[in-house]
Amino acid sequence: MSFLKRASMRGNAMQLKKKHKKSQQGLAIVEMTLILPLFLVLAFGVFEMYRLLLANNIIIGMSREGANLVARTSDTDQKIMDVISSTAAPLTMNKNGIMYVTVLVGGANKNKPLVLEQHRWVGSQYSGDSRVWSECKAWTTDTDSDSESDSCVVPSTLPILDHFNMVLDPGETVNVIEVLYEYENVLAYVIQDNLELYSRSLL
C-alpha cells in the first residue's frame, strides 16, 4: 500500500472520529434539554412538599402547646395565643394565620355541647373563620387589661354545636384551640389558590 493511500485512510478515519464525537456531543445536548426540565420539576415538587409538611407540623405543634398552656397556666387566652404565635417561625402568623380559643360546656340533657365563650387572636391580619363555631355576630375588644383581647358576644341562649361529635356532662367544660394558616406556595404570584392549613386540640 502506498504512502499516499495510507495517509488518505488515516485522514478519513480522523474525520469519522470527529464526526462521531460531534454526534455524541449533539446527542448529549438533546438529552440534557429533555431531562433538565423534568429534573427541575421534580426538585421543585420535593422542595414544595417539604415546605408544606413543615408548615403543617408547626401549626399542629402550636395547637397542642396552646391546649397544654390553657390547662397548666392561669394566663388569659389572648396571652396564651401570643406566646404560641412566637413559636411559629418561619411562618408569618401575623399575616397569614389566626387562632381561636372556644370554650364548650355540657348542656343539661347531655346532648350536643354548647358554646360558652370564644376568643380570637388580635395579632393577625388574616380573617379565617373558626371551624368549631363561626356564627359570632359581634366581637368586643378590651384594651384596658394587660393584654388586648377580642371576645365574641355569645347570645344569652348558648348556641348548640350540632356538628360537633362530643358528649359532655352537664356543666363540664372543654377548651378547643384552633390554629389556621393560609399556606402560600412558591408560585403564589402565578397560582392564586392557596391552601388553608388547620389544626385543633381539645383539653
N, C-alpha and C. Protein backbone atom coordinates (compact mmCIF):
# COMPACT_ATOMS: atom_id res chain seq x y z
N MET A 1 0.86 -1.19 0.00
CA MET A 1 0.00 0.00 0.00
C MET A 1 0.90 1.24 0.00
N SER A 2 0.60 2.17 -0.84
CA SER A 2 1.46 3.35 -0.96
C SER A 2 1.27 4.28 0.22
N PHE A 3 2.22 5.16 0.38
CA PHE A 3 2.19 6.13 1.49
C PHE A 3 0.98 7.04 1.36
N LEU A 4 0.64 7.45 0.14
CA LEU A 4 -0.49 8.36 -0.06
C LEU A 4 -1.81 7.72 0.33
N LYS A 5 -1.96 6.41 -0.02
CA LYS A 5 -3.20 5.71 0.34
C LYS A 5 -3.34 5.60 1.86
N ARG A 6 -2.20 5.27 2.52
CA ARG A 6 -2.26 5.14 3.98
C ARG A 6 -2.59 6.49 4.63
N ALA A 7 -2.01 7.55 4.12
CA ALA A 7 -2.29 8.89 4.66
C ALA A 7 -3.75 9.25 4.45
N SER A 8 -4.29 8.87 3.28
CA SER A 8 -5.70 9.16 2.99
C SER A 8 -6.64 8.40 3.92
N MET A 9 -6.30 7.14 4.20
CA MET A 9 -7.13 6.33 5.10
C MET A 9 -7.10 6.89 6.51
N ARG A 10 -5.91 7.32 6.93
CA ARG A 10 -5.82 7.92 8.27
C ARG A 10 -6.63 9.20 8.36
N GLY A 11 -6.57 9.96 7.29
CA GLY A 11 -7.35 11.21 7.30
C GLY A 11 -8.84 10.94 7.37
N ASN A 12 -9.28 9.94 6.61
CA ASN A 12 -10.71 9.57 6.64
C ASN A 12 -11.13 9.08 8.02
N ALA A 13 -10.25 8.28 8.65
CA ALA A 13 -10.56 7.77 9.99
C ALA A 13 -10.66 8.90 11.00
N MET A 14 -9.79 9.87 10.91
CA MET A 14 -9.83 11.01 11.84
C MET A 14 -11.10 11.83 11.63
N GLN A 15 -11.50 11.99 10.35
CA GLN A 15 -12.73 12.73 10.08
C GLN A 15 -13.96 12.00 10.63
N LEU A 16 -13.95 10.67 10.50
CA LEU A 16 -15.05 9.88 11.06
C LEU A 16 -15.11 10.00 12.57
N LYS A 17 -13.93 9.97 13.21
CA LYS A 17 -13.89 10.12 14.68
C LYS A 17 -14.43 11.49 15.09
N LYS A 18 -14.05 12.55 14.36
CA LYS A 18 -14.53 13.89 14.69
C LYS A 18 -16.04 13.98 14.52
N LYS A 19 -16.53 13.41 13.42
CA LYS A 19 -17.98 13.43 13.19
C LYS A 19 -18.72 12.66 14.29
N HIS A 20 -18.15 11.51 14.68
CA HIS A 20 -18.77 10.70 15.73
C HIS A 20 -18.78 11.46 17.06
N LYS A 21 -17.66 12.15 17.32
CA LYS A 21 -17.57 12.93 18.57
C LYS A 21 -18.59 14.06 18.58
N LYS A 22 -18.72 14.77 17.43
CA LYS A 22 -19.70 15.84 17.35
C LYS A 22 -21.12 15.30 17.49
N SER A 23 -21.34 14.11 16.90
CA SER A 23 -22.66 13.49 17.00
C SER A 23 -23.00 13.15 18.45
N GLN A 24 -21.99 12.62 19.18
CA GLN A 24 -22.21 12.30 20.59
C GLN A 24 -22.49 13.56 21.40
N GLN A 25 -21.74 14.64 21.13
CA GLN A 25 -21.97 15.90 21.85
C GLN A 25 -23.37 16.44 21.58
N GLY A 26 -23.79 16.36 20.31
CA GLY A 26 -25.14 16.82 19.98
C GLY A 26 -26.21 15.99 20.66
N LEU A 27 -25.99 14.67 20.73
CA LEU A 27 -26.95 13.80 21.41
C LEU A 27 -27.01 14.10 22.90
N ALA A 28 -25.87 14.40 23.51
CA ALA A 28 -25.84 14.73 24.94
C ALA A 28 -26.60 16.02 25.22
N ILE A 29 -26.49 17.01 24.31
CA ILE A 29 -27.20 18.28 24.47
C ILE A 29 -28.71 18.05 24.39
N VAL A 30 -29.12 17.21 23.43
CA VAL A 30 -30.55 16.91 23.28
C VAL A 30 -31.09 16.20 24.53
N GLU A 31 -30.31 15.23 25.03
CA GLU A 31 -30.73 14.51 26.24
C GLU A 31 -30.84 15.45 27.42
N MET A 32 -29.86 16.36 27.57
CA MET A 32 -29.90 17.32 28.68
C MET A 32 -31.12 18.24 28.56
N THR A 33 -31.41 18.64 27.32
CA THR A 33 -32.57 19.52 27.09
C THR A 33 -33.87 18.84 27.50
N LEU A 34 -33.95 17.54 27.30
CA LEU A 34 -35.16 16.80 27.65
C LEU A 34 -35.23 16.48 29.14
N ILE A 35 -34.09 16.16 29.74
CA ILE A 35 -34.07 15.69 31.13
C ILE A 35 -34.10 16.85 32.13
N LEU A 36 -33.42 17.96 31.81
CA LEU A 36 -33.29 19.05 32.78
C LEU A 36 -34.65 19.60 33.25
N PRO A 37 -35.62 19.88 32.35
CA PRO A 37 -36.92 20.36 32.85
C PRO A 37 -37.60 19.37 33.78
N LEU A 38 -37.51 18.09 33.45
CA LEU A 38 -38.13 17.08 34.32
C LEU A 38 -37.45 17.06 35.69
N PHE A 39 -36.13 17.19 35.70
CA PHE A 39 -35.39 17.20 36.96
C PHE A 39 -35.76 18.43 37.79
N LEU A 40 -35.89 19.58 37.14
CA LEU A 40 -36.25 20.81 37.86
C LEU A 40 -37.66 20.71 38.45
N VAL A 41 -38.59 20.13 37.68
CA VAL A 41 -39.96 19.95 38.18
C VAL A 41 -39.97 19.03 39.40
N LEU A 42 -39.20 17.95 39.33
CA LEU A 42 -39.11 17.01 40.45
C LEU A 42 -38.50 17.68 41.68
N ALA A 43 -37.42 18.43 41.46
CA ALA A 43 -36.76 19.11 42.59
C ALA A 43 -37.69 20.15 43.20
N PHE A 44 -38.42 20.89 42.37
CA PHE A 44 -39.37 21.88 42.87
C PHE A 44 -40.47 21.21 43.68
N GLY A 45 -40.98 20.07 43.19
CA GLY A 45 -42.03 19.36 43.91
C GLY A 45 -41.57 18.88 45.28
N VAL A 46 -40.35 18.37 45.35
CA VAL A 46 -39.81 17.91 46.63
C VAL A 46 -39.66 19.09 47.59
N PHE A 47 -39.16 20.21 47.10
CA PHE A 47 -38.99 21.40 47.93
C PHE A 47 -40.33 21.93 48.44
N GLU A 48 -41.32 21.96 47.54
CA GLU A 48 -42.65 22.46 47.93
C GLU A 48 -43.31 21.54 48.95
N MET A 49 -43.14 20.23 48.77
CA MET A 49 -43.70 19.28 49.72
C MET A 49 -43.05 19.42 51.09
N TYR A 50 -41.75 19.68 51.10
CA TYR A 50 -41.04 19.91 52.38
C TYR A 50 -41.60 21.13 53.09
N ARG A 51 -41.81 22.23 52.37
CA ARG A 51 -42.35 23.45 52.97
C ARG A 51 -43.76 23.22 53.52
N LEU A 52 -44.57 22.48 52.77
CA LEU A 52 -45.94 22.22 53.20
C LEU A 52 -45.97 21.36 54.46
N LEU A 53 -45.17 20.30 54.51
CA LEU A 53 -45.13 19.44 55.69
C LEU A 53 -44.58 20.20 56.90
N LEU A 54 -43.58 21.05 56.68
CA LEU A 54 -43.03 21.84 57.78
C LEU A 54 -44.09 22.77 58.36
N ALA A 55 -44.82 23.47 57.48
CA ALA A 55 -45.86 24.39 57.95
C ALA A 55 -46.95 23.63 58.70
N ASN A 56 -47.35 22.49 58.18
CA ASN A 56 -48.40 21.70 58.84
C ASN A 56 -47.95 21.21 60.22
N ASN A 57 -46.71 20.74 60.32
CA ASN A 57 -46.19 20.28 61.61
C ASN A 57 -46.11 21.42 62.63
N ILE A 58 -45.79 22.61 62.15
CA ILE A 58 -45.69 23.76 63.05
C ILE A 58 -47.05 24.11 63.64
N ILE A 59 -48.09 24.16 62.81
CA ILE A 59 -49.40 24.54 63.35
C ILE A 59 -49.98 23.44 64.24
N ILE A 60 -49.65 22.19 63.96
CA ILE A 60 -50.08 21.10 64.85
C ILE A 60 -49.43 21.27 66.21
N GLY A 61 -48.14 21.57 66.22
CA GLY A 61 -47.44 21.81 67.48
C GLY A 61 -47.98 23.00 68.23
N MET A 62 -48.37 24.04 67.49
CA MET A 62 -48.93 25.24 68.13
C MET A 62 -50.26 24.94 68.82
N SER A 63 -51.13 24.20 68.15
CA SER A 63 -52.43 23.91 68.76
C SER A 63 -52.27 23.02 69.99
N ARG A 64 -51.34 22.07 69.94
CA ARG A 64 -51.11 21.21 71.09
C ARG A 64 -50.50 21.98 72.25
N GLU A 65 -49.56 22.86 71.93
CA GLU A 65 -48.95 23.66 73.00
C GLU A 65 -49.96 24.63 73.59
N GLY A 66 -50.86 25.15 72.75
CA GLY A 66 -51.91 26.03 73.27
C GLY A 66 -52.81 25.31 74.25
N ALA A 67 -53.21 24.08 73.91
CA ALA A 67 -54.04 23.30 74.83
C ALA A 67 -53.29 23.01 76.12
N ASN A 68 -52.01 22.74 76.01
CA ASN A 68 -51.18 22.46 77.19
C ASN A 68 -51.10 23.68 78.10
N LEU A 69 -50.92 24.87 77.50
CA LEU A 69 -50.82 26.09 78.31
C LEU A 69 -52.16 26.46 78.95
N VAL A 70 -53.25 26.23 78.22
CA VAL A 70 -54.57 26.51 78.80
C VAL A 70 -54.79 25.66 80.05
N ALA A 71 -54.31 24.41 80.02
CA ALA A 71 -54.51 23.50 81.15
C ALA A 71 -53.57 23.82 82.32
N ARG A 72 -52.37 24.32 82.03
CA ARG A 72 -51.35 24.45 83.07
C ARG A 72 -51.22 25.85 83.65
N THR A 73 -51.70 26.87 82.94
CA THR A 73 -51.49 28.24 83.40
C THR A 73 -52.82 28.95 83.65
N SER A 74 -52.72 30.08 84.32
CA SER A 74 -53.90 30.90 84.57
C SER A 74 -53.91 32.15 83.70
N ASP A 75 -53.02 32.19 82.69
CA ASP A 75 -52.98 33.34 81.79
C ASP A 75 -54.24 33.42 80.95
N THR A 76 -54.51 34.62 80.45
CA THR A 76 -55.66 34.80 79.58
C THR A 76 -55.44 34.07 78.26
N ASP A 77 -56.54 33.76 77.61
CA ASP A 77 -56.43 33.08 76.31
C ASP A 77 -55.63 33.91 75.32
N GLN A 78 -55.77 35.23 75.39
CA GLN A 78 -55.04 36.09 74.47
C GLN A 78 -53.53 36.02 74.69
N LYS A 79 -53.11 36.00 75.95
CA LYS A 79 -51.68 35.87 76.25
C LYS A 79 -51.14 34.52 75.78
N ILE A 80 -51.95 33.48 75.96
CA ILE A 80 -51.52 32.15 75.51
C ILE A 80 -51.35 32.14 74.00
N MET A 81 -52.28 32.75 73.28
CA MET A 81 -52.16 32.80 71.82
C MET A 81 -50.96 33.63 71.39
N ASP A 82 -50.66 34.70 72.14
CA ASP A 82 -49.46 35.49 71.83
C ASP A 82 -48.21 34.65 72.01
N VAL A 83 -48.18 33.84 73.07
CA VAL A 83 -47.00 33.01 73.34
C VAL A 83 -46.78 31.98 72.25
N ILE A 84 -47.84 31.27 71.88
CA ILE A 84 -47.65 30.21 70.89
C ILE A 84 -47.41 30.78 69.49
N SER A 85 -47.86 32.01 69.25
CA SER A 85 -47.57 32.62 67.94
C SER A 85 -46.10 32.92 67.79
N SER A 86 -45.41 33.14 68.93
CA SER A 86 -43.97 33.43 68.87
C SER A 86 -43.15 32.20 68.50
N THR A 87 -43.77 31.02 68.50
CA THR A 87 -43.06 29.79 68.14
C THR A 87 -43.32 29.39 66.69
N ALA A 88 -43.97 30.26 65.92
CA ALA A 88 -44.42 29.88 64.59
C ALA A 88 -43.37 30.02 63.50
N ALA A 89 -42.25 30.67 63.78
CA ALA A 89 -41.24 30.89 62.72
C ALA A 89 -40.87 29.57 62.07
N PRO A 90 -40.72 29.57 60.75
CA PRO A 90 -40.69 30.69 59.80
C PRO A 90 -42.06 31.11 59.26
N LEU A 91 -43.16 30.61 59.83
CA LEU A 91 -44.48 31.02 59.37
C LEU A 91 -44.77 32.45 59.79
N THR A 92 -45.51 33.18 58.96
CA THR A 92 -45.88 34.56 59.27
C THR A 92 -47.31 34.59 59.79
N MET A 93 -47.46 34.22 61.06
CA MET A 93 -48.80 34.13 61.64
C MET A 93 -49.51 35.47 61.66
N ASN A 94 -48.80 36.57 61.85
CA ASN A 94 -49.46 37.87 61.93
C ASN A 94 -50.04 38.30 60.58
N LYS A 95 -49.58 37.68 59.50
CA LYS A 95 -50.09 38.00 58.17
C LYS A 95 -51.03 36.91 57.65
N ASN A 96 -50.66 35.66 57.80
CA ASN A 96 -51.39 34.56 57.17
C ASN A 96 -52.09 33.61 58.13
N GLY A 97 -52.03 33.88 59.43
CA GLY A 97 -52.59 32.93 60.39
C GLY A 97 -53.54 33.58 61.37
N ILE A 98 -54.33 32.74 61.99
CA ILE A 98 -55.23 33.22 63.05
C ILE A 98 -55.50 32.06 64.01
N MET A 99 -55.86 32.39 65.24
CA MET A 99 -56.14 31.38 66.26
C MET A 99 -57.44 31.71 66.98
N TYR A 100 -58.10 30.66 67.42
CA TYR A 100 -59.32 30.79 68.22
C TYR A 100 -59.22 29.88 69.44
N VAL A 101 -59.77 30.35 70.55
CA VAL A 101 -59.98 29.51 71.72
C VAL A 101 -61.48 29.54 72.01
N THR A 102 -62.11 28.38 71.87
CA THR A 102 -63.56 28.28 72.09
C THR A 102 -63.81 27.39 73.30
N VAL A 103 -64.59 27.90 74.24
CA VAL A 103 -64.93 27.15 75.45
C VAL A 103 -66.31 26.54 75.26
N LEU A 104 -66.37 25.21 75.35
CA LEU A 104 -67.64 24.50 75.23
C LEU A 104 -68.08 24.00 76.60
N VAL A 105 -69.39 23.89 76.78
CA VAL A 105 -69.93 23.43 78.05
C VAL A 105 -71.03 22.41 77.77
N GLY A 106 -71.13 21.42 78.65
CA GLY A 106 -72.17 20.41 78.50
C GLY A 106 -73.53 20.95 78.90
N GLY A 107 -74.54 20.62 78.11
CA GLY A 107 -75.90 21.06 78.42
C GLY A 107 -76.57 20.14 79.43
N ALA A 108 -77.77 20.50 79.78
CA ALA A 108 -78.49 19.76 80.83
C ALA A 108 -78.85 18.35 80.39
N ASN A 109 -79.03 18.14 79.10
CA ASN A 109 -79.51 16.84 78.61
C ASN A 109 -78.41 15.96 78.04
N LYS A 110 -77.15 16.35 78.24
CA LYS A 110 -76.00 15.58 77.73
C LYS A 110 -76.09 15.36 76.22
N ASN A 111 -76.67 16.31 75.54
CA ASN A 111 -76.73 16.19 74.09
C ASN A 111 -75.50 16.88 73.49
N LYS A 112 -75.69 17.70 72.52
CA LYS A 112 -74.58 18.39 71.88
C LYS A 112 -74.03 19.48 72.81
N PRO A 113 -72.71 19.76 72.72
CA PRO A 113 -72.13 20.81 73.58
C PRO A 113 -72.62 22.19 73.18
N LEU A 114 -72.52 23.11 74.12
CA LEU A 114 -72.92 24.50 73.91
C LEU A 114 -71.67 25.38 73.88
N VAL A 115 -71.77 26.50 73.16
CA VAL A 115 -70.67 27.46 73.10
C VAL A 115 -70.81 28.42 74.28
N LEU A 116 -69.84 28.39 75.16
CA LEU A 116 -69.85 29.27 76.33
C LEU A 116 -69.07 30.56 76.08
N GLU A 117 -67.88 30.43 75.47
CA GLU A 117 -67.04 31.58 75.16
C GLU A 117 -66.29 31.31 73.86
N GLN A 118 -65.88 32.40 73.23
CA GLN A 118 -64.96 32.28 72.10
C GLN A 118 -64.07 33.52 72.04
N HIS A 119 -62.76 33.26 71.91
CA HIS A 119 -61.77 34.35 71.86
C HIS A 119 -60.98 34.23 70.57
N ARG A 120 -60.69 35.37 69.96
CA ARG A 120 -59.97 35.41 68.69
C ARG A 120 -58.66 36.16 68.88
N TRP A 121 -57.61 35.63 68.29
CA TRP A 121 -56.29 36.27 68.40
C TRP A 121 -56.30 37.63 67.71
N VAL A 122 -55.83 38.66 68.40
CA VAL A 122 -55.88 40.01 67.85
C VAL A 122 -54.62 40.37 67.07
N GLY A 123 -53.60 39.52 67.09
CA GLY A 123 -52.34 39.86 66.43
C GLY A 123 -52.28 39.45 64.98
N SER A 124 -53.43 39.30 64.32
CA SER A 124 -53.44 38.77 62.96
C SER A 124 -54.19 39.67 62.00
N GLN A 125 -53.73 39.66 60.74
CA GLN A 125 -54.45 40.35 59.67
C GLN A 125 -55.32 39.38 58.87
N TYR A 126 -55.19 38.10 59.17
CA TYR A 126 -55.92 37.08 58.42
C TYR A 126 -57.33 36.93 58.98
N SER A 127 -58.29 36.68 58.10
CA SER A 127 -59.70 36.67 58.52
C SER A 127 -60.34 35.29 58.41
N GLY A 128 -59.56 34.23 58.61
CA GLY A 128 -60.13 32.89 58.55
C GLY A 128 -61.15 32.65 59.66
N ASP A 129 -62.19 31.91 59.35
CA ASP A 129 -63.25 31.64 60.32
C ASP A 129 -62.95 30.39 61.14
N SER A 130 -63.45 30.40 62.36
CA SER A 130 -63.36 29.22 63.21
C SER A 130 -64.18 28.09 62.59
N ARG A 131 -63.65 26.88 62.69
CA ARG A 131 -64.38 25.72 62.17
C ARG A 131 -65.17 25.02 63.28
N VAL A 132 -64.98 25.47 64.51
CA VAL A 132 -65.78 24.96 65.62
C VAL A 132 -67.11 25.69 65.66
N TRP A 133 -67.05 27.01 65.64
CA TRP A 133 -68.26 27.83 65.64
C TRP A 133 -67.93 29.14 64.95
N SER A 134 -68.57 29.41 63.84
CA SER A 134 -68.25 30.59 63.04
C SER A 134 -69.42 31.56 62.92
N GLU A 135 -70.36 31.49 63.87
CA GLU A 135 -71.58 32.30 63.76
C GLU A 135 -71.60 33.47 64.73
N CYS A 136 -70.44 33.88 65.21
CA CYS A 136 -70.39 35.03 66.10
C CYS A 136 -70.80 36.29 65.34
N LYS A 137 -71.75 37.03 65.89
CA LYS A 137 -72.27 38.22 65.23
C LYS A 137 -71.56 39.51 65.67
N ALA A 138 -70.96 39.49 66.85
CA ALA A 138 -70.33 40.71 67.36
C ALA A 138 -69.12 40.35 68.23
N TRP A 139 -68.08 41.15 68.09
CA TRP A 139 -66.85 40.95 68.88
C TRP A 139 -66.58 42.19 69.69
N THR A 140 -66.10 42.00 70.91
CA THR A 140 -65.73 43.12 71.76
C THR A 140 -64.22 43.11 71.95
N THR A 141 -63.62 44.28 71.88
CA THR A 141 -62.18 44.42 72.07
C THR A 141 -61.93 45.15 73.37
N ASP A 142 -61.21 44.51 74.28
CA ASP A 142 -60.90 45.07 75.59
C ASP A 142 -59.43 45.48 75.59
N THR A 143 -59.18 46.79 75.66
CA THR A 143 -57.80 47.30 75.69
C THR A 143 -57.39 47.76 77.07
N ASP A 144 -58.28 47.61 78.06
CA ASP A 144 -57.95 48.07 79.41
C ASP A 144 -57.15 47.05 80.19
N SER A 145 -57.21 45.79 79.78
CA SER A 145 -56.49 44.74 80.51
C SER A 145 -55.03 44.74 80.11
N ASP A 146 -54.24 43.87 80.76
CA ASP A 146 -52.81 43.78 80.47
C ASP A 146 -52.55 43.38 79.03
N SER A 147 -53.45 42.61 78.46
CA SER A 147 -53.30 42.17 77.08
C SER A 147 -54.59 42.43 76.34
N GLU A 148 -54.50 43.08 75.18
CA GLU A 148 -55.69 43.36 74.39
C GLU A 148 -56.39 42.05 74.03
N SER A 149 -57.69 42.03 74.12
CA SER A 149 -58.43 40.79 73.86
C SER A 149 -59.56 41.06 72.89
N ASP A 150 -59.94 40.01 72.19
CA ASP A 150 -61.03 40.07 71.22
C ASP A 150 -61.94 38.90 71.51
N SER A 151 -63.11 39.18 72.09
CA SER A 151 -64.01 38.12 72.55
C SER A 151 -65.37 38.25 71.88
N CYS A 152 -65.97 37.09 71.62
CA CYS A 152 -67.28 37.06 71.00
C CYS A 152 -68.37 37.38 72.03
N VAL A 153 -69.36 38.12 71.59
CA VAL A 153 -70.54 38.36 72.42
C VAL A 153 -71.48 37.18 72.18
N VAL A 154 -71.40 36.18 73.05
CA VAL A 154 -72.19 34.97 72.88
C VAL A 154 -73.64 35.24 73.31
N PRO A 155 -74.62 34.81 72.54
CA PRO A 155 -76.02 35.04 72.91
C PRO A 155 -76.35 34.43 74.28
N SER A 156 -77.32 35.01 74.94
CA SER A 156 -77.71 34.50 76.26
C SER A 156 -78.20 33.06 76.18
N THR A 157 -78.87 32.73 75.09
CA THR A 157 -79.22 31.32 74.83
C THR A 157 -78.03 30.70 74.10
N LEU A 158 -77.26 29.92 74.83
CA LEU A 158 -76.00 29.43 74.29
C LEU A 158 -76.21 28.61 73.02
N PRO A 159 -75.39 28.89 71.98
CA PRO A 159 -75.54 28.15 70.72
C PRO A 159 -75.19 26.67 70.89
N ILE A 160 -75.91 25.83 70.18
CA ILE A 160 -75.67 24.38 70.21
C ILE A 160 -74.81 23.99 69.00
N LEU A 161 -73.81 23.18 69.24
CA LEU A 161 -72.95 22.70 68.16
C LEU A 161 -73.48 21.36 67.65
N ASP A 162 -74.34 21.41 66.68
CA ASP A 162 -74.93 20.18 66.16
C ASP A 162 -73.91 19.31 65.43
N HIS A 163 -72.92 19.93 64.83
CA HIS A 163 -71.95 19.19 64.02
C HIS A 163 -70.78 18.64 64.84
N PHE A 164 -70.71 19.02 66.13
CA PHE A 164 -69.56 18.64 66.94
C PHE A 164 -69.83 17.31 67.64
N ASN A 165 -69.07 16.31 67.28
CA ASN A 165 -69.32 14.96 67.79
C ASN A 165 -68.65 14.77 69.15
N MET A 166 -69.29 15.29 70.18
CA MET A 166 -68.75 15.18 71.54
C MET A 166 -69.89 15.23 72.54
N VAL A 167 -69.80 14.41 73.56
CA VAL A 167 -70.81 14.41 74.63
C VAL A 167 -70.13 14.87 75.91
N LEU A 168 -70.68 15.92 76.53
CA LEU A 168 -70.14 16.45 77.78
C LEU A 168 -71.19 16.31 78.88
N ASP A 169 -70.70 16.07 80.10
CA ASP A 169 -71.59 16.07 81.24
C ASP A 169 -72.12 17.48 81.48
N PRO A 170 -73.29 17.61 82.10
CA PRO A 170 -73.82 18.95 82.38
C PRO A 170 -72.80 19.78 83.19
N GLY A 171 -72.46 20.96 82.70
CA GLY A 171 -71.52 21.85 83.37
C GLY A 171 -70.06 21.57 83.06
N GLU A 172 -69.76 20.44 82.43
CA GLU A 172 -68.37 20.13 82.07
C GLU A 172 -67.91 21.03 80.93
N THR A 173 -66.69 21.58 81.05
CA THR A 173 -66.19 22.50 80.03
C THR A 173 -64.97 21.90 79.33
N VAL A 174 -64.81 22.28 78.07
CA VAL A 174 -63.68 21.86 77.24
C VAL A 174 -63.19 23.07 76.46
N ASN A 175 -61.87 23.26 76.43
CA ASN A 175 -61.27 24.33 75.63
C ASN A 175 -60.81 23.74 74.29
N VAL A 176 -61.22 24.38 73.22
CA VAL A 176 -60.81 23.97 71.88
C VAL A 176 -59.90 25.06 71.31
N ILE A 177 -58.66 24.69 71.01
CA ILE A 177 -57.69 25.63 70.45
C ILE A 177 -57.54 25.34 68.97
N GLU A 178 -57.80 26.34 68.16
CA GLU A 178 -57.70 26.20 66.71
C GLU A 178 -56.60 27.09 66.17
N VAL A 179 -55.84 26.55 65.22
CA VAL A 179 -54.83 27.32 64.50
C VAL A 179 -55.11 27.17 63.01
N LEU A 180 -55.27 28.29 62.34
CA LEU A 180 -55.49 28.30 60.89
C LEU A 180 -54.36 29.08 60.23
N TYR A 181 -53.88 28.56 59.10
CA TYR A 181 -52.78 29.24 58.41
C TYR A 181 -52.97 29.11 56.91
N GLU A 182 -52.91 30.25 56.23
CA GLU A 182 -53.02 30.25 54.78
C GLU A 182 -51.62 30.03 54.19
N TYR A 183 -51.43 28.84 53.67
CA TYR A 183 -50.12 28.46 53.12
C TYR A 183 -49.98 29.01 51.70
N GLU A 184 -48.94 29.79 51.49
CA GLU A 184 -48.66 30.35 50.18
C GLU A 184 -47.62 29.49 49.48
N ASN A 185 -47.96 28.96 48.33
CA ASN A 185 -46.99 28.18 47.59
C ASN A 185 -45.92 29.07 46.98
N VAL A 186 -44.86 28.47 46.50
CA VAL A 186 -43.74 29.22 45.96
C VAL A 186 -44.17 30.06 44.77
N LEU A 187 -45.13 29.58 44.00
CA LEU A 187 -45.62 30.30 42.83
C LEU A 187 -46.88 31.08 43.16
N ALA A 188 -46.89 31.73 44.33
CA ALA A 188 -48.09 32.44 44.78
C ALA A 188 -48.51 33.55 43.83
N TYR A 189 -47.54 34.14 43.14
CA TYR A 189 -47.88 35.23 42.22
C TYR A 189 -48.47 34.71 40.91
N VAL A 190 -48.31 33.40 40.67
CA VAL A 190 -48.86 32.79 39.46
C VAL A 190 -50.11 31.98 39.80
N ILE A 191 -50.00 31.15 40.84
CA ILE A 191 -51.12 30.31 41.28
C ILE A 191 -51.78 31.00 42.48
N GLN A 192 -52.97 31.52 42.30
CA GLN A 192 -53.62 32.33 43.32
C GLN A 192 -54.32 31.51 44.40
N ASP A 193 -54.60 30.25 44.14
CA ASP A 193 -55.33 29.42 45.09
C ASP A 193 -54.37 28.88 46.16
N ASN A 194 -54.45 29.45 47.36
CA ASN A 194 -53.62 28.99 48.46
C ASN A 194 -54.36 27.93 49.27
N LEU A 195 -53.62 27.22 50.07
CA LEU A 195 -54.18 26.13 50.88
C LEU A 195 -54.26 26.58 52.33
N GLU A 196 -55.43 26.41 52.95
CA GLU A 196 -55.58 26.76 54.37
C GLU A 196 -55.30 25.53 55.22
N LEU A 197 -54.23 25.59 55.98
CA LEU A 197 -53.88 24.51 56.89
C LEU A 197 -54.65 24.71 58.20
N TYR A 198 -54.99 23.61 58.85
CA TYR A 198 -55.84 23.71 60.04
C TYR A 198 -55.45 22.64 61.05
N SER A 199 -55.42 23.04 62.31
CA SER A 199 -55.20 22.08 63.39
C SER A 199 -55.99 22.54 64.62
N ARG A 200 -56.51 21.58 65.36
CA ARG A 200 -57.19 21.93 66.61
C ARG A 200 -56.89 20.87 67.67
N SER A 201 -56.85 21.34 68.89
CA SER A 201 -56.62 20.44 70.03
C SER A 201 -57.66 20.76 71.09
N LEU A 202 -58.09 19.74 71.83
CA LEU A 202 -59.10 19.88 72.86
C LEU A 202 -58.52 19.50 74.20
N LEU A 203 -58.93 20.23 75.22
CA LEU A 203 -58.50 19.90 76.56
C LEU A 203 -59.49 20.43 77.58
